[in-house]
Amino acid sequence: MNQNANSQKSGSRRSNPALNPLKYEIAQEFGVNLGPDATARQNGSVGGEITRRLVSYAKGQMGAQGNQSQGRANQ
């Protein structure tokens, strides 16, 4: 295995510690006890919701930045 593939694989095993509060908040909302006793579908539903929320947040940030730059252009 080449070094690049190895680094990508090991990186995917760790989650960002900053996302842990969000992960557990979503798990609680969904009624999921995260861990090896939960099904892949239950654990995956939490991961999917994290992704949806992060994408939504990023879109909101991009929209806010676009509005700020338009305001400057109109001045």
Foldseek 3Di string as FASTA:
>chain_A
DDPVVVVVVVVVVDDDPVCVVVLVVLCVVVVHDDDDVTDPVSSVVSVVVSVVVVVVVVVVVVVVVVVVVVVVVVD
